[in-house]
C-alpha atoms as a PDB file:
ATOM      1  CA  MET A   1       0.000   0.000   0.000  1.00  0.00           C
ATOM      2  CA  THR A   2       1.395   3.363  -1.001  1.00  0.00           C
ATOM      3  CA  VAL A   3       0.395   6.564   0.715  1.00  0.00           C
ATOM      4  CA  ALA A   4       0.855   9.763  -1.199  1.00  0.00           C
ATOM      5  CA  MET A   5       1.084  13.025   0.687  1.00  0.00           C
ATOM      6  CA  LEU A   6       0.616  16.354  -0.915  1.00  0.00           C
ATOM      7  CA  PHE A   7       1.783  19.549   0.752  1.00  0.00           C
ATOM      8  CA  ALA A   8       0.461  22.840  -0.433  1.00  0.00           C
ATOM      9  CA  ALA A   9       0.969  26.339   0.821  1.00  0.00           C
ATOM     10  CA  CYS A  10      -2.143  28.378   1.343  1.00  0.00           C
ATOM     11  CA  GLU A  11      -2.340  32.113   1.584  1.00  0.00           C
ATOM     12  CA  GLY A  12      -5.461  33.765   2.867  1.00  0.00           C
ATOM     13  CA  GLN A  13      -6.894  37.183   2.160  1.00  0.00           C
ATOM     14  CA  PRO A  14      -4.659  40.002   3.381  1.00  0.00           C
ATOM     15  CA  GLY A  15      -5.892  41.871   6.444  1.00  0.00           C
ATOM     16  CA  LEU A  16      -7.367  45.339   6.320  1.00  0.00           C
ATOM     17  CA  PRO A  17      -4.804  48.094   5.991  1.00  0.00           C
ATOM     18  CA  GLY A  18      -4.229  50.640   8.726  1.00  0.00           C
ATOM     19  CA  ARG A  19      -4.380  54.394   8.287  1.00  0.00           C
ATOM     20  CA  ASN A  20      -3.175  55.735   4.950  1.00  0.00           C
ATOM     21  CA  GLY A  21      -2.821  52.194   3.558  1.00  0.00           C
ATOM     22  CA  GLU A  22      -0.134  51.220   6.138  1.00  0.00           C
ATOM     23  CA  ASP A  23      -0.197  47.967   8.097  1.00  0.00           C
ATOM     24  CA  GLY A  24      -2.474  48.153  11.138  1.00  0.00           C
ATOM     25  CA  GLU A  25      -1.065  47.919  14.660  1.00  0.00           C
ATOM     26  CA  SER A  26      -1.427  44.869  16.857  1.00  0.00           C
ATOM     27  CA  THR A  27      -2.951  44.817  20.313  1.00  0.00           C
ATOM     28  CA  GLN A  28      -0.618  46.091  23.025  1.00  0.00           C
ATOM     29  CA  TRP A  29      -0.520  44.766  26.608  1.00  0.00           C
ATOM     30  CA  PHE A  30       0.875  45.999  29.911  1.00  0.00           C
ATOM     31  CA  VAL A  31       0.857  43.908  33.106  1.00  0.00           C
ATOM     32  CA  GLN A  32       2.632  45.009  36.283  1.00  0.00           C
ATOM     33  CA  ASP A  33       2.472  44.076  39.980  1.00  0.00           C
ATOM     34  CA  TYR A  34       2.684  46.774  42.654  1.00  0.00           C
ATOM     35  CA  ASP A  35       3.552  46.019  46.280  1.00  0.00           C
ATOM     36  CA  VAL A  36       1.904  48.437  48.702  1.00  0.00           C
ATOM     37  CA  LEU A  37       3.315  48.270  52.218  1.00  0.00           C
ATOM     38  CA  SER A  38       1.072  48.985  55.188  1.00  0.00           C
ATOM     39  CA  SER A  39       3.074  52.130  55.945  1.00  0.00           C
ATOM     40  CA  GLN A  40       2.562  53.478  52.397  1.00  0.00           C
ATOM     41  CA  TRP A  41      -1.222  53.860  52.613  1.00  0.00           C
ATOM     42  CA  ARG A  42      -2.257  57.512  53.092  1.00  0.00           C
ATOM     43  CA  PRO A  43      -5.422  58.538  54.965  1.00  0.00           C
ATOM     44  CA  ALA A  44      -8.025  60.326  52.861  1.00  0.00           C
ATOM     45  CA  GLU A  45     -11.687  61.270  52.970  1.00  0.00           C
ATOM     46  CA  GLU A  46     -14.442  61.037  50.437  1.00  0.00           C
ATOM     47  CA  SER A  47     -17.790  62.752  50.821  1.00  0.00           C
ATOM     48  CA  GLY A  48     -20.731  63.613  48.666  1.00  0.00           C
ATOM     49  CA  ASP A  49     -24.442  64.126  48.723  1.00  0.00           C
ATOM     50  CA  GLY A  50     -25.400  62.324  51.922  1.00  0.00           C
ATOM     51  CA  TYR A  51     -22.345  60.120  52.347  1.00  0.00           C
ATOM     52  CA  TYR A  52     -18.923  60.255  53.961  1.00  0.00           C
ATOM     53  CA  PHE A  53     -16.086  57.746  53.914  1.00  0.00           C
ATOM     54  CA  LYS A  54     -12.762  57.762  55.601  1.00  0.00           C
ATOM     55  CA  CYS A  55     -10.437  55.764  53.417  1.00  0.00           C
ATOM     56  CA  PHE A  56      -6.810  55.038  52.614  1.00  0.00           C
ATOM     57  CA  GLU A  57      -5.128  55.587  49.245  1.00  0.00           C
ATOM     58  CA  TYR A  58      -1.942  54.705  47.454  1.00  0.00           C
ATOM     59  CA  GLU A  59      -1.157  56.141  44.019  1.00  0.00           C
ATOM     60  CA  VAL A  60       1.395  54.779  41.545  1.00  0.00           C
ATOM     61  CA  ARG A  61       2.726  56.418  38.412  1.00  0.00           C
ATOM     62  CA  VAL A  62       2.128  54.294  35.303  1.00  0.00           C
ATOM     63  CA  PRO A  63       3.604  56.070  32.246  1.00  0.00           C
ATOM     64  CA  GLN A  64       2.065  53.468  29.927  1.00  0.00           C
ATOM     65  CA  LEU A  65      -1.405  54.746  30.919  1.00  0.00           C
ATOM     66  CA  THR A  66      -1.503  57.362  28.178  1.00  0.00           C
ATOM     67  CA  GLU A  67      -4.424  59.582  27.163  1.00  0.00           C
ATOM     68  CA  PHE A  68      -5.161  57.085  24.373  1.00  0.00           C
ATOM     69  CA  VAL A  69      -5.286  54.113  26.790  1.00  0.00           C
ATOM     70  CA  PHE A  70      -7.368  56.176  29.238  1.00  0.00           C
ATOM     71  CA  ASP A  71      -9.895  57.111  26.531  1.00  0.00           C
ATOM     72  CA  LYS A  72      -9.987  53.993  24.342  1.00  0.00           C
ATOM     73  CA  GLY A  73      -8.193  51.139  26.109  1.00  0.00           C
ATOM     74  CA  TYR A  74      -8.925  48.743  28.939  1.00  0.00           C
ATOM     75  CA  VAL A  75      -7.511  49.135  32.454  1.00  0.00           C
ATOM     76  CA  GLY A  76      -8.258  46.534  35.111  1.00  0.00           C
ATOM     77  CA  CYS A  77      -6.804  46.104  38.586  1.00  0.00           C
ATOM     78  CA  TYR A  78      -6.682  43.016  40.761  1.00  0.00           C
ATOM     79  CA  LEU A  79      -5.938  42.256  44.413  1.00  0.00           C
ATOM     80  CA  VAL A  80      -3.436  39.393  44.660  1.00  0.00           C
ATOM     81  CA  TRP A  81      -4.491  37.085  47.447  1.00  0.00           C
ATOM     82  CA  ASP A  82      -2.502  34.164  48.891  1.00  0.00           C
ATOM     83  CA  ILE A  83      -4.506  31.503  50.714  1.00  0.00           C
ATOM     84  CA  ILE A  84      -3.099  28.470  52.518  1.00  0.00           C
ATOM     85  CA  ARG A  85      -5.608  25.609  52.317  1.00  0.00           C
ATOM     86  CA  GLU A  86      -6.129  22.725  54.726  1.00  0.00           C
ATOM     87  CA  ASP A  87      -3.705  20.611  52.697  1.00  0.00           C
ATOM     88  CA  GLY A  88      -0.952  23.097  53.567  1.00  0.00           C
ATOM     89  CA  LYS A  89      -0.507  24.281  49.985  1.00  0.00           C
ATOM     90  CA  LYS A  90      -0.447  27.964  49.148  1.00  0.00           C
ATOM     91  CA  TYR A  91      -2.735  29.117  46.349  1.00  0.00           C
ATOM     92  CA  THR A  92      -2.537  32.535  44.748  1.00  0.00           C
ATOM     93  CA  TYR A  93      -5.691  34.209  43.481  1.00  0.00           C
ATOM     94  CA  GLN A  94      -6.331  37.475  41.719  1.00  0.00           C
ATOM     95  CA  ARG A  95      -9.573  39.155  42.681  1.00  0.00           C
ATOM     96  CA  PRO A  96     -10.838  41.862  40.298  1.00  0.00           C
ATOM     97  CA  LEU A  97     -11.422  45.276  41.832  1.00  0.00           C
ATOM     98  CA  PRO A  98     -13.682  46.443  43.275  1.00  0.00           C
ATOM     99  CA  TYR A  99     -13.557  43.643  45.820  1.00  0.00           C
ATOM    100  CA  THR A 100     -15.079  43.516  49.308  1.00  0.00           C
ATOM    101  CA  ILE A 101     -13.823  41.403  52.203  1.00  0.00           C
ATOM    102  CA  TYR A 102     -16.245  40.695  55.054  1.00  0.00           C
ATOM    103  CA  GLY A 103     -15.128  39.840  58.564  1.00  0.00           C
ATOM    104  CA  ILE A 104     -15.951  39.824  62.264  1.00  0.00           C
ATOM    105  CA  ASP A 105     -13.691  41.431  64.874  1.00  0.00           C
ATOM    106  CA  ASN A 106     -14.586  41.153  68.585  1.00  0.00           C
ATOM    107  CA  GLY A 107     -18.162  40.286  67.635  1.00  0.00           C
ATOM    108  CA  PHE A 108     -18.610  43.246  65.294  1.00  0.00           C
ATOM    109  CA  ALA A 109     -19.143  42.714  61.584  1.00  0.00           C
ATOM    110  CA  TYR A 110     -17.189  44.893  59.190  1.00  0.00           C
ATOM    111  CA  SER A 111     -16.214  45.079  55.548  1.00  0.00           C
ATOM    112  CA  GLU A 112     -13.194  46.418  53.733  1.00  0.00           C
ATOM    113  CA  ASN A 113     -13.686  47.485  50.150  1.00  0.00           C
ATOM    114  CA  TYR A 114     -10.751  47.645  47.708  1.00  0.00           C
ATOM    115  CA  SER A 115     -11.192  49.726  44.561  1.00  0.00           C
ATOM    116  CA  PHE A 116      -9.181  51.856  42.152  1.00  0.00           C
ATOM    117  CA  GLU A 117      -9.326  55.054  40.146  1.00  0.00           C
ATOM    118  CA  ILE A 118      -7.361  55.962  37.060  1.00  0.00           C
ATOM    119  CA  ARG A 119      -6.252  59.103  35.299  1.00  0.00           C
ATOM    120  CA  PRO A 120      -3.632  59.435  32.588  1.00  0.00           C
ATOM    121  CA  GLN A 121      -0.265  58.230  33.944  1.00  0.00           C
ATOM    122  CA  TYR A 122      -1.658  57.259  37.395  1.00  0.00           C
ATOM    123  CA  VAL A 123      -3.535  54.471  39.172  1.00  0.00           C
ATOM    124  CA  LYS A 124      -4.841  55.036  42.690  1.00  0.00           C
ATOM    125  CA  PHE A 125      -5.682  52.071  44.938  1.00  0.00           C
ATOM    126  CA  ILE A 126      -8.292  52.747  47.622  1.00  0.00           C
ATOM    127  CA  VAL A 127      -9.434  50.812  50.681  1.00  0.00           C
ATOM    128  CA  LYS A 128     -12.530  51.769  52.717  1.00  0.00           C
ATOM    129  CA  TYR A 129     -13.639  50.238  56.009  1.00  0.00           C
ATOM    130  CA  SER A 130     -17.330  50.043  56.903  1.00  0.00           C
ATOM    131  CA  ASP A 131     -16.649  50.867  60.564  1.00  0.00           C
ATOM    132  CA  PHE A 132     -14.695  54.071  59.720  1.00  0.00           C
ATOM    133  CA  GLY A 133     -11.827  52.715  61.827  1.00  0.00           C
ATOM    134  CA  ASP A 134      -8.347  54.140  61.987  1.00  0.00           C
ATOM    135  CA  ILE A 135      -6.762  50.765  61.369  1.00  0.00           C
ATOM    136  CA  GLU A 136      -4.078  51.019  58.705  1.00  0.00           C
ATOM    137  CA  PRO A 137      -4.609  48.580  55.838  1.00  0.00           C
ATOM    138  CA  LEU A 138      -2.326  45.594  55.543  1.00  0.00           C
ATOM    139  CA  SER A 139       0.388  45.322  52.927  1.00  0.00           C
ATOM    140  CA  CYS A 140      -1.093  44.280  49.573  1.00  0.00           C
ATOM    141  CA  ILE A 141      -0.061  43.310  46.088  1.00  0.00           C
ATOM    142  CA  PHE A 142      -2.070  44.690  43.182  1.00  0.00           C
ATOM    143  CA  THR A 143      -1.826  43.783  39.519  1.00  0.00           C
ATOM    144  CA  VAL A 144      -2.578  46.381  36.846  1.00  0.00           C
ATOM    145  CA  ARG A 145      -3.554  45.101  33.387  1.00  0.00           C
ATOM    146  CA  MET A 146      -3.974  47.325  30.387  1.00  0.00           C
ATOM    147  CA  MET A 147      -4.827  46.559  26.796  1.00  0.00           C
ATOM    148  CA  TRP A 148      -5.086  48.904  23.835  1.00  0.00           C
END
């Protein structure tokens, strides 16, 4: 029995040209982790029509967050969370912001809400506590992802 194999090169339709007939650009990515130490959080306040929050903030400069990315791209931030399970293994999770953690301390329920704000060249991480406490936030790792 003889098996004949035929190899052929195929070329598909060319993609759409970019501006002025030039090749279009490909998607760009930026991913960076930021360690925020407990001592780096800065107290802040936020108030508005009928609400008030005492919060903590930490702002990082991100030069890749241009006006174009701000206006037309995607920016997402994540809280990196390490959990040690019953089997003793450490698992790392990324929780998209905003993210709320609920807990009980001395019989009192509370929540801590992690969020972020962006402006060209800057990302600000924010943590708010439901009990308006003066407790400084713990050290955290955040991941910033951008696509344009």
